[in-house]
PDB file of N, CA and C in Angstrom:
ATOM      1  N   MET A   1      -4.646  14.798 -19.459  1.00  0.00           N
ATOM      2  CA  MET A   1      -3.519  14.841 -18.379  1.00  0.00           C
ATOM      3  C   MET A   1      -3.373  13.431 -18.172  1.00  0.00           C
ATOM      4  N   GLN A   2      -2.192  12.944 -17.668  1.00  0.00           N
ATOM      5  CA  GLN A   2      -2.035  11.630 -17.084  1.00  0.00           C
ATOM      6  C   GLN A   2      -1.235  11.757 -15.614  1.00  0.00           C
ATOM      7  N   GLY A   3      -1.631  10.718 -14.901  1.00  0.00           N
ATOM      8  CA  GLY A   3      -0.628  10.592 -13.535  1.00  0.00           C
ATOM      9  C   GLY A   3      -0.035   9.501 -13.754  1.00  0.00           C
ATOM     10  N   VAL A   4       1.286   9.151 -13.514  1.00  0.00           N
ATOM     11  CA  VAL A   4       2.087   8.117 -13.745  1.00  0.00           C
ATOM     12  C   VAL A   4       2.813   7.667 -12.411  1.00  0.00           C
ATOM     13  N   TYR A   5       2.725   6.390 -12.259  1.00  0.00           N
ATOM     14  CA  TYR A   5       3.313   5.806 -11.074  1.00  0.00           C
ATOM     15  C   TYR A   5       4.340   5.179 -11.210  1.00  0.00           C
ATOM     16  N   SER A   6       5.473   5.366 -10.676  1.00  0.00           N
ATOM     17  CA  SER A   6       6.727   4.466 -11.067  1.00  0.00           C
ATOM     18  C   SER A   6       7.592   4.250  -9.997  1.00  0.00           C
ATOM     19  N   ASN A   7       8.696   3.251 -10.104  1.00  0.00           N
ATOM     20  CA  ASN A   7       9.636   3.027  -9.133  1.00  0.00           C
ATOM     21  C   ASN A   7       9.085   2.726  -7.667  1.00  0.00           C
ATOM     22  N   TRP A   8       8.000   1.651  -8.178  1.00  0.00           N
ATOM     23  CA  TRP A   8       7.319   1.122  -6.872  1.00  0.00           C
ATOM     24  C   TRP A   8       8.188   0.203  -6.148  1.00  0.00           C
ATOM     25  N   ASP A   9       7.932   0.083  -4.573  1.00  0.00           N
ATOM     26  CA  ASP A   9       8.823  -0.974  -3.841  1.00  0.00           C
ATOM     27  C   ASP A   9       7.527  -1.706  -3.046  1.00  0.00           C
ATOM     28  N   LEU A  10       8.083  -2.661  -2.247  1.00  0.00           N
ATOM     29  CA  LEU A  10       7.308  -3.616  -1.468  1.00  0.00           C
ATOM     30  C   LEU A  10       6.458  -2.759  -0.458  1.00  0.00           C
ATOM     31  N   GLU A  11       7.184  -1.657  -0.128  1.00  0.00           N
ATOM     32  CA  GLU A  11       6.466  -0.828   0.999  1.00  0.00           C
ATOM     33  C   GLU A  11       5.435   0.167   0.457  1.00  0.00           C
ATOM     34  N   GLU A  12       5.108   0.004  -0.866  1.00  0.00           N
ATOM     35  CA  GLU A  12       4.225   0.932  -1.606  1.00  0.00           C
ATOM     36  C   GLU A  12       4.845   2.379  -1.606  1.00  0.00           C
ATOM     37  N   ASN A  13       6.042   2.497  -1.544  1.00  0.00           N
ATOM     38  CA  ASN A  13       6.675   3.691  -2.006  1.00  0.00           C
ATOM     39  C   ASN A  13       6.712   4.008  -3.446  1.00  0.00           C
ATOM     40  N   PHE A  14       6.518   5.137  -4.062  1.00  0.00           N
ATOM     41  CA  PHE A  14       6.621   5.387  -5.602  1.00  0.00           C
ATOM     42  C   PHE A  14       6.916   6.632  -5.877  1.00  0.00           C
ATOM     43  N   ASP A  15       7.227   6.906  -7.220  1.00  0.00           N
ATOM     44  CA  ASP A  15       7.059   8.372  -7.557  1.00  0.00           C
ATOM     45  C   ASP A  15       6.002   8.580  -8.396  1.00  0.00           C
ATOM     46  N   PHE A  16       5.601   9.806  -8.368  1.00  0.00           N
ATOM     47  CA  PHE A  16       4.396  10.197  -9.323  1.00  0.00           C
ATOM     48  C   PHE A  16       4.567  11.363  -9.959  1.00  0.00           C
ATOM     49  N   PHE A  17       4.225  11.260 -11.358  1.00  0.00           N
ATOM     50  CA  PHE A  17       4.523  12.147 -12.388  1.00  0.00           C
ATOM     51  C   PHE A  17       3.230  12.664 -12.969  1.00  0.00           C
ATOM     52  N   VAL A  18       2.899  13.987 -13.089  1.00  0.00           N
ATOM     53  CA  VAL A  18       1.652  14.444 -13.588  1.00  0.00           C
ATOM     54  C   VAL A  18       2.058  15.055 -15.209  1.00  0.00           C
ATOM     55  N   GLY A  19       1.465  14.739 -15.842  1.00  0.00           N
ATOM     56  CA  GLY A  19       1.891  15.425 -17.333  1.00  0.00           C
ATOM     57  C   GLY A  19       0.902  15.027 -18.219  1.00  0.00           C
ATOM     58  N   ALA A  20       1.338  15.126 -19.606  1.00  0.00           N
ATOM     59  CA  ALA A  20       0.339  15.065 -20.660  1.00  0.00           C
ATOM     60  C   ALA A  20       1.404  14.304 -21.942  1.00  0.00           C
ATOM     61  N   GLU A  21       0.731  13.839 -22.780  1.00  0.00           N
ATOM     62  CA  GLU A  21       1.328  12.995 -23.945  1.00  0.00           C
ATOM     63  C   GLU A  21       1.814  13.971 -24.713  1.00  0.00           C
ATOM     64  N   VAL A  22       3.222  13.785 -25.145  1.00  0.00           N
ATOM     65  CA  VAL A  22       3.878  14.430 -26.202  1.00  0.00           C
ATOM     66  C   VAL A  22       4.576  13.634 -27.071  1.00  0.00           C
ATOM     67  N   ASN A  23       5.227  14.372 -28.198  1.00  0.00           N
ATOM     68  CA  ASN A  23       5.836  13.691 -29.111  1.00  0.00           C
ATOM     69  C   ASN A  23       7.115  13.071 -28.594  1.00  0.00           C
ATOM     70  N   PRO A  24       7.311  11.699 -28.709  1.00  0.00           N
ATOM     71  CA  PRO A  24       8.456  11.160 -27.912  1.00  0.00           C
ATOM     72  C   PRO A  24       9.809  11.727 -28.506  1.00  0.00           C
ATOM     73  N   GLU A  25       9.949  12.225 -29.663  1.00  0.00           N
ATOM     74  CA  GLU A  25      11.032  12.568 -30.158  1.00  0.00           C
ATOM     75  C   GLU A  25      11.457  14.081 -29.575  1.00  0.00           C
ATOM     76  N   VAL A  26      10.721  14.634 -28.999  1.00  0.00           N
ATOM     77  CA  VAL A  26      10.769  16.050 -28.674  1.00  0.00           C
ATOM     78  C   VAL A  26      11.404  15.962 -27.102  1.00  0.00           C
ATOM     79  N   SER A  27      12.435  16.900 -26.887  1.00  0.00           N
ATOM     80  CA  SER A  27      13.118  16.935 -25.560  1.00  0.00           C
ATOM     81  C   SER A  27      12.288  17.637 -24.554  1.00  0.00           C
ATOM     82  N   ALA A  28      12.443  17.223 -23.458  1.00  0.00           N
ATOM     83  CA  ALA A  28      11.650  18.151 -22.279  1.00  0.00           C
ATOM     84  C   ALA A  28      12.113  19.442 -22.102  1.00  0.00           C
ATOM     85  N   PRO A  29      11.601  20.440 -21.936  1.00  0.00           N
ATOM     86  CA  PRO A  29      12.043  21.718 -21.541  1.00  0.00           C
ATOM     87  C   PRO A  29      12.786  21.638 -20.334  1.00  0.00           C
ATOM     88  N   SER A  30      13.751  22.626 -20.371  1.00  0.00           N
ATOM     89  CA  SER A  30      14.424  23.028 -18.820  1.00  0.00           C
ATOM     90  C   SER A  30      13.459  22.755 -17.537  1.00  0.00           C
ATOM     91  N   GLY A  31      14.062  22.119 -16.747  1.00  0.00           N
ATOM     92  CA  GLY A  31      13.015  22.238 -15.602  1.00  0.00           C
ATOM     93  C   GLY A  31      11.961  21.219 -15.478  1.00  0.00           C
ATOM     94  N   LEU A  32      11.779  20.343 -16.532  1.00  0.00           N
ATOM     95  CA  LEU A  32      10.764  19.405 -16.505  1.00  0.00           C
ATOM     96  C   LEU A  32      11.501  18.000 -16.922  1.00  0.00           C
ATOM     97  N   THR A  33      10.735  16.913 -16.532  1.00  0.00           N
ATOM     98  CA  THR A  33      11.067  15.547 -16.675  1.00  0.00           C
ATOM     99  C   THR A  33      10.157  15.090 -17.685  1.00  0.00           C
ATOM    100  N   LYS A  34      10.882  14.188 -18.699  1.00  0.00           N
ATOM    101  CA  LYS A  34      10.201  13.126 -19.585  1.00  0.00           C
ATOM    102  C   LYS A  34      10.101  11.786 -19.063  1.00  0.00           C
ATOM    103  N   GLN A  35       8.933  11.319 -19.011  1.00  0.00           N
ATOM    104  CA  GLN A  35       8.751  10.017 -18.547  1.00  0.00           C
ATOM    105  C   GLN A  35       8.094   9.150 -19.669  1.00  0.00           C
ATOM    106  N   ILE A  36       8.921   8.230 -20.188  1.00  0.00           N
ATOM    107  CA  ILE A  36       8.491   7.250 -21.259  1.00  0.00           C
ATOM    108  C   ILE A  36       7.933   6.132 -20.715  1.00  0.00           C
ATOM    109  N   LEU A  37       6.444   5.844 -21.089  1.00  0.00           N
ATOM    110  CA  LEU A  37       5.843   4.561 -20.769  1.00  0.00           C
ATOM    111  C   LEU A  37       6.209   3.594 -21.820  1.00  0.00           C
ATOM    112  N   THR A  38       6.763   2.283 -21.222  1.00  0.00           N
ATOM    113  CA  THR A  38       7.196   1.326 -21.957  1.00  0.00           C
ATOM    114  C   THR A  38       5.799   0.431 -22.393  1.00  0.00           C
ATOM    115  N   ALA A  39       6.007   0.025 -23.701  1.00  0.00           N
ATOM    116  CA  ALA A  39       4.908  -0.995 -24.120  1.00  0.00           C
ATOM    117  C   ALA A  39       4.711  -2.042 -23.051  1.00  0.00           C
ATOM    118  N   SER A  40       3.453  -2.484 -22.784  1.00  0.00           N
ATOM    119  CA  SER A  40       3.359  -3.669 -21.907  1.00  0.00           C
ATOM    120  C   SER A  40       1.868  -3.981 -21.870  1.00  0.00           C
ATOM    121  N   LYS A  41       1.597  -5.049 -21.239  1.00  0.00           N
ATOM    122  CA  LYS A  41       0.223  -5.660 -21.035  1.00  0.00           C
ATOM    123  C   LYS A  41      -0.469  -4.862 -20.056  1.00  0.00           C
ATOM    124  N   TYR A  42      -1.514  -4.223 -20.214  1.00  0.00           N
ATOM    125  CA  TYR A  42      -2.495  -3.594 -19.221  1.00  0.00           C
ATOM    126  C   TYR A  42      -3.640  -4.066 -18.793  1.00  0.00           C
ATOM    127  N   MET A  43      -4.186  -3.877 -17.884  1.00  0.00           N
ATOM    128  CA  MET A  43      -5.585  -4.121 -17.556  1.00  0.00           C
ATOM    129  C   MET A  43      -6.118  -2.788 -17.343  1.00  0.00           C
ATOM    130  N   LEU A  44      -7.195  -2.433 -17.982  1.00  0.00           N
ATOM    131  CA  LEU A  44      -7.895  -0.892 -17.797  1.00  0.00           C
ATOM    132  C   LEU A  44      -9.212  -0.978 -16.994  1.00  0.00           C
ATOM    133  N   PHE A  45      -9.215  -0.270 -16.188  1.00  0.00           N
ATOM    134  CA  PHE A  45     -10.322   0.029 -15.156  1.00  0.00           C
ATOM    135  C   PHE A  45     -10.938   1.436 -15.459  1.00  0.00           C
ATOM    136  N   THR A  46     -12.067   1.496 -15.755  1.00  0.00           N
ATOM    137  CA  THR A  46     -12.776   2.802 -15.812  1.00  0.00           C
ATOM    138  C   THR A  46     -13.537   3.058 -14.483  1.00  0.00           C
ATOM    139  N   VAL A  47     -13.248   4.333 -13.960  1.00  0.00           N
ATOM    140  CA  VAL A  47     -13.713   4.706 -12.865  1.00  0.00           C
ATOM    141  C   VAL A  47     -14.670   5.815 -13.023  1.00  0.00           C
ATOM    142  N   PRO A  48     -16.039   5.595 -12.312  1.00  0.00           N
ATOM    143  CA  PRO A  48     -16.918   6.565 -12.542  1.00  0.00           C
ATOM    144  C   PRO A  48     -16.739   7.528 -11.322  1.00  0.00           C
ATOM    145  N   GLY A  49     -16.837   8.848 -11.602  1.00  0.00           N
ATOM    146  CA  GLY A  49     -16.575   9.906 -10.736  1.00  0.00           C
ATOM    147  C   GLY A  49     -15.358  10.647 -10.809  1.00  0.00           C
ATOM    148  N   ASN A  50     -15.248  11.812 -10.090  1.00  0.00           N
ATOM    149  CA  ASN A  50     -14.018  12.575 -10.353  1.00  0.00           C
ATOM    150  C   ASN A  50     -13.453  13.126  -9.052  1.00  0.00           C
ATOM    151  N   THR A  51     -13.652  12.424  -7.910  1.00  0.00           N
ATOM    152  CA  THR A  51     -13.403  12.885  -6.627  1.00  0.00           C
ATOM    153  C   THR A  51     -12.215  12.041  -6.372  1.00  0.00           C
ATOM    154  N   THR A  52     -11.568  12.620  -5.265  1.00  0.00           N
ATOM    155  CA  THR A  52     -10.296  11.972  -4.599  1.00  0.00           C
ATOM    156  C   THR A  52     -10.573  10.576  -4.058  1.00  0.00           C
ATOM    157  N   GLU A  53     -11.832  10.718  -3.239  1.00  0.00           N
ATOM    158  CA  GLU A  53     -12.258   9.374  -2.463  1.00  0.00           C
ATOM    159  C   GLU A  53     -12.810   8.302  -3.834  1.00  0.00           C
ATOM    160  N   LYS A  54     -13.294   8.617  -4.926  1.00  0.00           N
ATOM    161  CA  LYS A  54     -13.481   7.693  -6.095  1.00  0.00           C
ATOM    162  C   LYS A  54     -12.339   7.038  -6.245  1.00  0.00           C
ATOM    163  N   LEU A  55     -11.317   7.927  -6.740  1.00  0.00           N
ATOM    164  CA  LEU A  55     -10.097   7.430  -7.273  1.00  0.00           C
ATOM    165  C   LEU A  55      -9.360   6.433  -6.285  1.00  0.00           C
ATOM    166  N   LEU A  56      -9.243   6.908  -5.195  1.00  0.00           N
ATOM    167  CA  LEU A  56      -8.546   6.087  -3.809  1.00  0.00           C
ATOM    168  C   LEU A  56      -9.376   4.790  -3.748  1.00  0.00           C
ATOM    169  N   ASN A  57     -10.709   4.705  -3.779  1.00  0.00           N
ATOM    170  CA  ASN A  57     -11.291   3.662  -3.506  1.00  0.00           C
ATOM    171  C   ASN A  57     -11.204   2.506  -4.813  1.00  0.00           C
ATOM    172  N   ALA A  58     -10.919   2.979  -5.993  1.00  0.00           N
ATOM    173  CA  ALA A  58     -10.760   2.329  -7.005  1.00  0.00           C
ATOM    174  C   ALA A  58      -9.316   1.612  -6.934  1.00  0.00           C
ATOM    175  N   TRP A  59      -8.435   2.418  -6.740  1.00  0.00           N
ATOM    176  CA  TRP A  59      -7.041   1.819  -6.419  1.00  0.00           C
ATOM    177  C   TRP A  59      -7.053   0.703  -5.201  1.00  0.00           C
ATOM    178  N   LYS A  60      -7.794   0.963  -4.357  1.00  0.00           N
ATOM    179  CA  LYS A  60      -7.789   0.213  -3.028  1.00  0.00           C
ATOM    180  C   LYS A  60      -8.485  -1.206  -3.517  1.00  0.00           C
ATOM    181  N   TYR A  61      -9.585  -1.192  -4.510  1.00  0.00           N
ATOM    182  CA  TYR A  61     -10.311  -2.398  -4.967  1.00  0.00           C
ATOM    183  C   TYR A  61      -9.297  -3.068  -6.043  1.00  0.00           C
ATOM    184  N   ILE A  62      -8.571  -2.534  -6.849  1.00  0.00           N
ATOM    185  CA  ILE A  62      -7.740  -2.943  -7.827  1.00  0.00           C
ATOM    186  C   ILE A  62      -6.622  -3.790  -7.131  1.00  0.00           C
ATOM    187  N   TYR A  63      -5.965  -3.219  -6.060  1.00  0.00           N
ATOM    188  CA  TYR A  63      -4.838  -3.958  -5.510  1.00  0.00           C
ATOM    189  C   TYR A  63      -5.140  -4.745  -4.332  1.00  0.00           C
ATOM    190  N   GLY A  64      -6.353  -4.395  -3.849  1.00  0.00           N
ATOM    191  CA  GLY A  64      -6.745  -5.110  -2.414  1.00  0.00           C
ATOM    192  C   GLY A  64      -7.900  -6.282  -2.746  1.00  0.00           C
ATOM    193  N   THR A  65      -8.596  -6.073  -3.926  1.00  0.00           N
ATOM    194  CA  THR A  65      -9.478  -7.254  -4.079  1.00  0.00           C
ATOM    195  C   THR A  65      -9.240  -8.023  -5.603  1.00  0.00           C
ATOM    196  N   TRP A  66      -9.343  -7.027  -6.572  1.00  0.00           N
ATOM    197  CA  TRP A  66      -9.160  -7.590  -8.095  1.00  0.00           C
ATOM    198  C   TRP A  66      -7.929  -8.476  -8.140  1.00  0.00           C
ATOM    199  N   LEU A  67      -6.751  -7.940  -7.980  1.00  0.00           N
ATOM    200  CA  LEU A  67      -5.615  -8.446  -8.502  1.00  0.00           C
ATOM    201  C   LEU A  67      -5.662  -9.673  -7.642  1.00  0.00           C
ATOM    202  N   ALA A  68      -5.817  -9.776  -6.251  1.00  0.00           N
ATOM    203  CA  ALA A  68      -5.651 -11.162  -5.453  1.00  0.00           C
ATOM    204  C   ALA A  68      -6.329 -11.997  -5.982  1.00  0.00           C
ATOM    205  N   ASN A  69      -7.517 -11.713  -6.574  1.00  0.00           N
ATOM    206  CA  ASN A  69      -8.591 -12.779  -7.185  1.00  0.00           C
ATOM    207  C   ASN A  69      -8.639 -13.054  -8.720  1.00  0.00           C
ATOM    208  N   SER A  70      -7.535 -12.476  -9.246  1.00  0.00           N
ATOM    209  CA  SER A  70      -7.510 -12.568 -10.848  1.00  0.00           C
ATOM    210  C   SER A  70      -6.616 -13.459 -11.051  1.00  0.00           C
ATOM    211  N   GLU A  71      -6.369 -14.050 -12.424  1.00  0.00           N
ATOM    212  CA  GLU A  71      -5.468 -14.917 -12.747  1.00  0.00           C
ATOM    213  C   GLU A  71      -4.078 -14.040 -13.108  1.00  0.00           C
ATOM    214  N   TYR A  72      -3.892 -12.801 -12.907  1.00  0.00           N
ATOM    215  CA  TYR A  72      -2.769 -11.897 -13.361  1.00  0.00           C
ATOM    216  C   TYR A  72      -1.974 -11.622 -11.972  1.00  0.00           C
ATOM    217  N   GLU A  73      -0.664 -11.378 -12.331  1.00  0.00           N
ATOM    218  CA  GLU A  73       0.155 -10.746 -11.475  1.00  0.00           C
ATOM    219  C   GLU A  73       0.638  -9.295 -11.696  1.00  0.00           C
ATOM    220  N   ARG A  74       0.943  -8.615 -10.996  1.00  0.00           N
ATOM    221  CA  ARG A  74       1.320  -7.333 -11.159  1.00  0.00           C
ATOM    222  C   ARG A  74       2.531  -7.077 -12.035  1.00  0.00           C
ATOM    223  N   GLY A  75       2.439  -6.384 -13.378  1.00  0.00           N
ATOM    224  CA  GLY A  75       3.665  -6.445 -14.132  1.00  0.00           C
ATOM    225  C   GLY A  75       4.846  -5.410 -13.594  1.00  0.00           C
ATOM    226  N   SER A  76       5.881  -5.086 -14.239  1.00  0.00           N
ATOM    227  CA  SER A  76       6.750  -4.425 -13.588  1.00  0.00           C
ATOM    228  C   SER A  76       6.829  -3.063 -14.386  1.00  0.00           C
ATOM    229  N   GLU A  77       5.959  -2.741 -15.223  1.00  0.00           N
ATOM    230  CA  GLU A  77       5.920  -1.344 -15.872  1.00  0.00           C
ATOM    231  C   GLU A  77       5.113  -0.584 -14.976  1.00  0.00           C
ATOM    232  N   ASP A  78       5.283   0.661 -15.448  1.00  0.00           N
ATOM    233  CA  ASP A  78       4.380   1.941 -14.665  1.00  0.00           C
ATOM    234  C   ASP A  78       3.013   1.629 -14.745  1.00  0.00           C
ATOM    235  N   ASP A  79       2.256   2.049 -13.723  1.00  0.00           N
ATOM    236  CA  ASP A  79       0.953   2.139 -13.801  1.00  0.00           C
ATOM    237  C   ASP A  79       0.481   3.522 -14.075  1.00  0.00           C
ATOM    238  N   PHE A  80      -0.574   3.934 -14.838  1.00  0.00           N
ATOM    239  CA  PHE A  80      -0.989   5.256 -14.867  1.00  0.00           C
ATOM    240  C   PHE A  80      -2.475   5.478 -14.991  1.00  0.00           C
ATOM    241  N   GLU A  81      -2.733   6.689 -14.794  1.00  0.00           N
ATOM    242  CA  GLU A  81      -4.171   7.148 -14.792  1.00  0.00           C
ATOM    243  C   GLU A  81      -4.260   8.073 -16.310  1.00  0.00           C
ATOM    244  N   VAL A  82      -5.391   8.264 -16.673  1.00  0.00           N
ATOM    245  CA  VAL A  82      -5.757   9.195 -17.566  1.00  0.00           C
ATOM    246  C   VAL A  82      -6.943   9.993 -17.410  1.00  0.00           C
ATOM    247  N   PHE A  83      -6.950  11.362 -17.240  1.00  0.00           N
ATOM    248  CA  PHE A  83      -8.079  12.242 -17.083  1.00  0.00           C
ATOM    249  C   PHE A  83      -7.992  13.039 -18.366  1.00  0.00           C
ATOM    250  N   ASP A  84      -9.010  12.586 -19.139  1.00  0.00           N
ATOM    251  CA  ASP A  84      -9.177  13.280 -20.455  1.00  0.00           C
ATOM    252  C   ASP A  84     -10.660  14.181 -20.183  1.00  0.00           C
ATOM    253  N   GLU A  85     -11.363  14.662 -21.226  1.00  0.00           N
ATOM    254  CA  GLU A  85     -12.460  15.510 -21.291  1.00  0.00           C
ATOM    255  C   GLU A  85     -13.607  14.765 -20.446  1.00  0.00           C
ATOM    256  N   ARG A  86     -13.670  13.369 -20.546  1.00  0.00           N
ATOM    257  CA  ARG A  86     -14.739  12.740 -19.718  1.00  0.00           C
ATOM    258  C   ARG A  86     -14.622  13.078 -18.146  1.00  0.00           C
ATOM    259  N   PHE A  87     -13.422  13.330 -17.736  1.00  0.00           N
ATOM    260  CA  PHE A  87     -13.209  13.638 -16.300  1.00  0.00           C
ATOM    261  C   PHE A  87     -13.953  14.871 -15.682  1.00  0.00           C
ATOM    262  N   TRP A  88     -14.279  15.677 -16.745  1.00  0.00           N
ATOM    263  CA  TRP A  88     -14.810  17.029 -16.479  1.00  0.00           C
ATOM    264  C   TRP A  88     -16.290  17.084 -16.718  1.00  0.00           C
ATOM    265  N   ASP A  89     -16.899  15.708 -17.165  1.00  0.00           N
ATOM    266  CA  ASP A  89     -18.363  15.888 -17.553  1.00  0.00           C
ATOM    267  C   ASP A  89     -18.986  16.073 -16.295  1.00  0.00           C
ATOM    268  N   PRO A  90     -19.907  17.022 -16.193  1.00  0.00           N
ATOM    269  CA  PRO A  90     -20.763  17.138 -15.053  1.00  0.00           C
ATOM    270  C   PRO A  90     -21.818  16.136 -14.577  1.00  0.00           C
ATOM    271  N   GLN A  91     -22.326  15.329 -15.797  1.00  0.00           N
ATOM    272  CA  GLN A  91     -23.311  14.618 -15.661  1.00  0.00           C
ATOM    273  C   GLN A  91     -22.682  12.999 -15.374  1.00  0.00           C
ATOM    274  N   ASN A  92     -21.595  12.639 -15.880  1.00  0.00           N
ATOM    275  CA  ASN A  92     -20.978  11.286 -15.870  1.00  0.00           C
ATOM    276  C   ASN A  92     -19.587  11.304 -16.086  1.00  0.00           C
ATOM    277  N   PRO A  93     -18.772  11.938 -14.995  1.00  0.00           N
ATOM    278  CA  PRO A  93     -17.489  12.006 -14.956  1.00  0.00           C
ATOM    279  C   PRO A  93     -16.775  10.630 -14.829  1.00  0.00           C
ATOM    280  N   LEU A  94     -15.767  10.372 -15.638  1.00  0.00           N
ATOM    281  CA  LEU A  94     -14.893   9.293 -15.833  1.00  0.00           C
ATOM    282  C   LEU A  94     -13.441   9.425 -15.641  1.00  0.00           C
ATOM    283  N   SER A  95     -12.803   8.445 -15.353  1.00  0.00           N
ATOM    284  CA  SER A  95     -11.223   8.429 -15.485  1.00  0.00           C
ATOM    285  C   SER A  95     -10.914   6.962 -15.799  1.00  0.00           C
ATOM    286  N   GLU A  96      -9.570   6.736 -16.078  1.00  0.00           N
ATOM    287  CA  GLU A  96      -9.086   5.388 -16.535  1.00  0.00           C
ATOM    288  C   GLU A  96      -7.971   5.257 -15.756  1.00  0.00           C
ATOM    289  N   ILE A  97      -7.721   4.080 -15.214  1.00  0.00           N
ATOM    290  CA  ILE A  97      -6.612   3.595 -14.382  1.00  0.00           C
ATOM    291  C   ILE A  97      -5.967   2.184 -15.405  1.00  0.00           C
ATOM    292  N   TYR A  98      -4.726   2.338 -15.680  1.00  0.00           N
ATOM    293  CA  TYR A  98      -4.280   1.292 -16.272  1.00  0.00           C
ATOM    294  C   TYR A  98      -3.088   0.586 -15.360  1.00  0.00           C
ATOM    295  N   ILE A  99      -3.423  -0.713 -15.239  1.00  0.00           N
ATOM    296  CA  ILE A  99      -2.299  -1.317 -14.299  1.00  0.00           C
ATOM    297  C   ILE A  99      -1.514  -2.529 -15.111  1.00  0.00           C
ATOM    298  N   SER A 100      -0.129  -2.344 -14.932  1.00  0.00           N
ATOM    299  CA  SER A 100       0.628  -3.325 -15.742  1.00  0.00           C
ATOM    300  C   SER A 100       0.544  -4.612 -15.066  1.00  0.00           C
ATOM    301  N   ILE A 101       0.309  -5.668 -15.961  1.00  0.00           N
ATOM    302  CA  ILE A 101      -0.167  -7.033 -15.605  1.00  0.00           C
ATOM    303  C   ILE A 101       0.657  -7.845 -16.426  1.00  0.00           C
ATOM    304  N   ARG A 102       0.858  -9.195 -15.901  1.00  0.00           N
ATOM    305  CA  ARG A 102       1.453 -10.307 -16.680  1.00  0.00           C
ATOM    306  C   ARG A 102       0.799 -11.640 -16.217  1.00  0.00           C
TER     307      ARG A 102
END
């Protein structure tokens, strides 16, 4: 499962899509939207834990601390999260956040 953040603005408004990776040549079924992620340079953050609090704290760290102190700027492509089988691991749950950078 993936969460995709797109159409960001300076007031931190954005669109959020939840979905799964599919064949890019297949059309979306009626009532669903197809969101294509553009190839870009991304920074990967591995997030320990699978609670809303852990994920929100990761986003706050990325945009509140890491980006401001890194050599990178925010890219113009969509950011996204990946929730694969590791997210459900009862001993060591993990997810991934990908941030578009330049």
